[in-house]
Amino acid sequence: MTMPRFAAGDDPGASFPDLLRKLGIDPFPSMSGAVVEANLRGGGSDNAIPHATTCLALTYDRGVV
């Protein structure tokens, strides 16, 4: 497995869902787009998306932190 690399202007930033979308992966495949968008805007519903932890890895010439 190789790590994805992005040019400075193409970097998806700190958003994990945006990273998945950039890689062609649907971050919420079992939910309709309207439900996801409402929850991301804080609208909430019975199908609320739970909060999660973001994992971060930094690469450098000797490996990964």
N, C-alpha and C. Protein backbone atom coordinates (compact mmCIF):
# COMPACT_ATOMS: atom_id res chain seq x y z
N MET A 1 0.84 -1.18 0.00
CA MET A 1 0.00 0.00 0.00
C MET A 1 0.89 1.24 0.00
N THR A 2 0.54 2.19 -0.82
CA THR A 2 1.28 3.44 -0.84
C THR A 2 0.42 4.55 -0.25
N MET A 3 1.08 5.54 0.32
CA MET A 3 0.36 6.67 0.89
C MET A 3 0.01 7.65 -0.22
N PRO A 4 -1.20 8.20 -0.19
CA PRO A 4 -1.55 9.19 -1.21
C PRO A 4 -0.75 10.47 -1.00
N ARG A 5 -0.33 11.07 -2.07
CA ARG A 5 0.40 12.35 -2.02
C ARG A 5 -0.39 13.35 -2.84
N PHE A 6 -0.48 14.56 -2.34
CA PHE A 6 -1.23 15.60 -3.02
C PHE A 6 -0.35 16.83 -3.20
N ALA A 7 -0.51 17.49 -4.32
CA ALA A 7 0.17 18.76 -4.55
C ALA A 7 -0.44 19.79 -3.58
N ALA A 8 0.28 20.85 -3.29
CA ALA A 8 -0.17 21.84 -2.31
C ALA A 8 -1.57 22.37 -2.62
N GLY A 9 -1.87 22.66 -3.84
CA GLY A 9 -3.19 23.18 -4.20
C GLY A 9 -4.26 22.12 -4.30
N ASP A 10 -3.87 20.85 -4.23
CA ASP A 10 -4.80 19.74 -4.40
C ASP A 10 -5.06 19.01 -3.08
N ASP A 11 -4.42 19.45 -2.01
CA ASP A 11 -4.53 18.80 -0.70
C ASP A 11 -5.96 18.95 -0.16
N PRO A 12 -6.58 17.85 0.30
CA PRO A 12 -7.95 17.95 0.82
C PRO A 12 -8.04 18.61 2.19
N GLY A 13 -6.92 18.92 2.82
CA GLY A 13 -6.95 19.60 4.12
C GLY A 13 -7.22 18.65 5.27
N ALA A 14 -7.80 19.19 6.35
CA ALA A 14 -7.99 18.43 7.57
C ALA A 14 -9.27 17.60 7.58
N SER A 15 -10.07 17.69 6.55
CA SER A 15 -11.34 16.97 6.52
C SER A 15 -11.13 15.54 6.05
N PHE A 16 -11.38 14.57 6.94
CA PHE A 16 -11.24 13.16 6.57
C PHE A 16 -12.26 12.76 5.50
N PRO A 17 -13.53 13.19 5.60
CA PRO A 17 -14.47 12.87 4.52
C PRO A 17 -14.02 13.43 3.17
N ASP A 18 -13.44 14.65 3.17
CA ASP A 18 -12.93 15.22 1.92
C ASP A 18 -11.77 14.40 1.36
N LEU A 19 -10.91 13.89 2.24
CA LEU A 19 -9.82 13.02 1.81
C LEU A 19 -10.37 11.77 1.14
N LEU A 20 -11.36 11.14 1.76
CA LEU A 20 -11.96 9.94 1.17
C LEU A 20 -12.57 10.25 -0.19
N ARG A 21 -13.29 11.37 -0.28
CA ARG A 21 -13.88 11.75 -1.57
C ARG A 21 -12.80 11.96 -2.63
N LYS A 22 -11.69 12.61 -2.23
CA LYS A 22 -10.58 12.87 -3.16
C LYS A 22 -10.01 11.55 -3.70
N LEU A 23 -10.04 10.50 -2.85
CA LEU A 23 -9.54 9.19 -3.25
C LEU A 23 -10.60 8.34 -3.94
N GLY A 24 -11.80 8.91 -4.14
CA GLY A 24 -12.87 8.19 -4.82
C GLY A 24 -13.65 7.24 -3.92
N ILE A 25 -13.62 7.48 -2.60
CA ILE A 25 -14.33 6.63 -1.65
C ILE A 25 -15.47 7.44 -1.05
N ASP A 26 -16.68 6.87 -1.05
CA ASP A 26 -17.83 7.54 -0.46
C ASP A 26 -17.76 7.38 1.05
N PRO A 27 -17.60 8.47 1.82
CA PRO A 27 -17.45 8.35 3.27
C PRO A 27 -18.73 7.95 3.99
N PHE A 28 -19.88 8.12 3.36
CA PHE A 28 -21.17 7.79 3.99
C PHE A 28 -22.03 6.99 3.02
N PRO A 29 -21.60 5.79 2.63
CA PRO A 29 -22.30 5.07 1.56
C PRO A 29 -23.72 4.64 1.91
N SER A 30 -24.05 4.44 3.18
CA SER A 30 -25.38 3.94 3.51
C SER A 30 -26.37 5.05 3.84
N MET A 31 -25.98 6.30 3.74
CA MET A 31 -26.86 7.41 4.07
C MET A 31 -27.16 8.22 2.82
N SER A 32 -28.34 8.79 2.76
CA SER A 32 -28.67 9.64 1.62
C SER A 32 -27.91 10.96 1.74
N GLY A 33 -27.66 11.58 0.62
CA GLY A 33 -26.93 12.84 0.62
C GLY A 33 -27.60 13.93 1.44
N ALA A 34 -28.93 14.00 1.41
CA ALA A 34 -29.65 15.03 2.16
C ALA A 34 -29.46 14.86 3.66
N VAL A 35 -29.50 13.61 4.15
CA VAL A 35 -29.30 13.35 5.58
C VAL A 35 -27.89 13.74 6.00
N VAL A 36 -26.92 13.35 5.19
CA VAL A 36 -25.52 13.66 5.50
C VAL A 36 -25.31 15.17 5.54
N GLU A 37 -25.78 15.87 4.53
CA GLU A 37 -25.59 17.32 4.47
C GLU A 37 -26.27 18.02 5.65
N ALA A 38 -27.47 17.60 6.01
CA ALA A 38 -28.18 18.21 7.14
C ALA A 38 -27.41 18.01 8.43
N ASN A 39 -26.85 16.83 8.63
CA ASN A 39 -26.10 16.55 9.85
C ASN A 39 -24.78 17.31 9.87
N LEU A 40 -24.12 17.44 8.74
CA LEU A 40 -22.86 18.18 8.69
C LEU A 40 -23.09 19.66 8.98
N ARG A 41 -24.27 20.18 8.64
CA ARG A 41 -24.60 21.58 8.93
C ARG A 41 -25.15 21.74 10.33
N GLY A 42 -25.29 20.65 11.09
CA GLY A 42 -25.80 20.74 12.45
C GLY A 42 -27.30 20.66 12.55
N GLY A 43 -27.98 20.29 11.45
CA GLY A 43 -29.43 20.19 11.47
C GLY A 43 -29.94 19.04 12.31
N GLY A 44 -29.16 17.98 12.40
CA GLY A 44 -29.53 16.83 13.22
C GLY A 44 -30.78 16.12 12.73
N SER A 45 -30.96 14.92 13.18
CA SER A 45 -32.13 14.10 12.88
C SER A 45 -31.98 12.80 13.65
N ASP A 46 -32.93 11.90 13.45
CA ASP A 46 -32.83 10.58 14.08
C ASP A 46 -31.65 9.79 13.53
N ASN A 47 -31.17 10.18 12.35
CA ASN A 47 -30.04 9.49 11.71
C ASN A 47 -28.75 10.26 11.90
N ALA A 48 -28.58 10.90 13.05
CA ALA A 48 -27.42 11.76 13.29
C ALA A 48 -26.12 11.00 13.13
N ILE A 49 -25.14 11.67 12.59
CA ILE A 49 -23.81 11.10 12.41
C ILE A 49 -23.04 11.30 13.71
N PRO A 50 -22.49 10.25 14.29
CA PRO A 50 -21.73 10.42 15.54
C PRO A 50 -20.40 11.13 15.28
N HIS A 51 -19.90 11.79 16.29
CA HIS A 51 -18.58 12.40 16.18
C HIS A 51 -17.53 11.30 16.20
N ALA A 52 -16.40 11.56 15.61
CA ALA A 52 -15.34 10.56 15.53
C ALA A 52 -13.99 11.21 15.75
N THR A 53 -12.98 10.40 15.87
CA THR A 53 -11.62 10.87 16.05
C THR A 53 -10.90 10.85 14.70
N THR A 54 -10.15 11.90 14.43
CA THR A 54 -9.36 11.95 13.21
C THR A 54 -7.97 11.41 13.50
N CYS A 55 -7.51 10.51 12.65
CA CYS A 55 -6.16 9.95 12.78
C CYS A 55 -5.24 10.75 11.88
N LEU A 56 -4.05 10.99 12.34
CA LEU A 56 -3.11 11.81 11.59
C LEU A 56 -1.75 11.13 11.57
N ALA A 57 -1.11 11.12 10.41
CA ALA A 57 0.24 10.59 10.29
C ALA A 57 1.09 11.60 9.54
N LEU A 58 2.29 11.82 10.03
CA LEU A 58 3.23 12.72 9.37
C LEU A 58 4.39 11.89 8.86
N THR A 59 4.74 12.10 7.60
CA THR A 59 5.88 11.38 7.04
C THR A 59 7.11 12.27 7.03
N TYR A 60 8.25 11.67 7.19
CA TYR A 60 9.52 12.37 7.07
C TYR A 60 10.54 11.37 6.53
N ASP A 61 11.77 11.80 6.29
CA ASP A 61 12.75 10.95 5.60
C ASP A 61 13.07 9.65 6.33
N ARG A 62 12.80 9.55 7.62
CA ARG A 62 13.09 8.33 8.37
C ARG A 62 11.87 7.46 8.62
N GLY A 63 10.70 7.91 8.21
CA GLY A 63 9.51 7.10 8.42
C GLY A 63 8.25 7.91 8.65
N VAL A 64 7.43 7.43 9.57
CA VAL A 64 6.13 8.03 9.85
C VAL A 64 5.97 8.24 11.34
N VAL A 65 5.38 9.37 11.72
CA VAL A 65 5.07 9.64 13.13
C VAL A 65 3.56 9.55 13.27
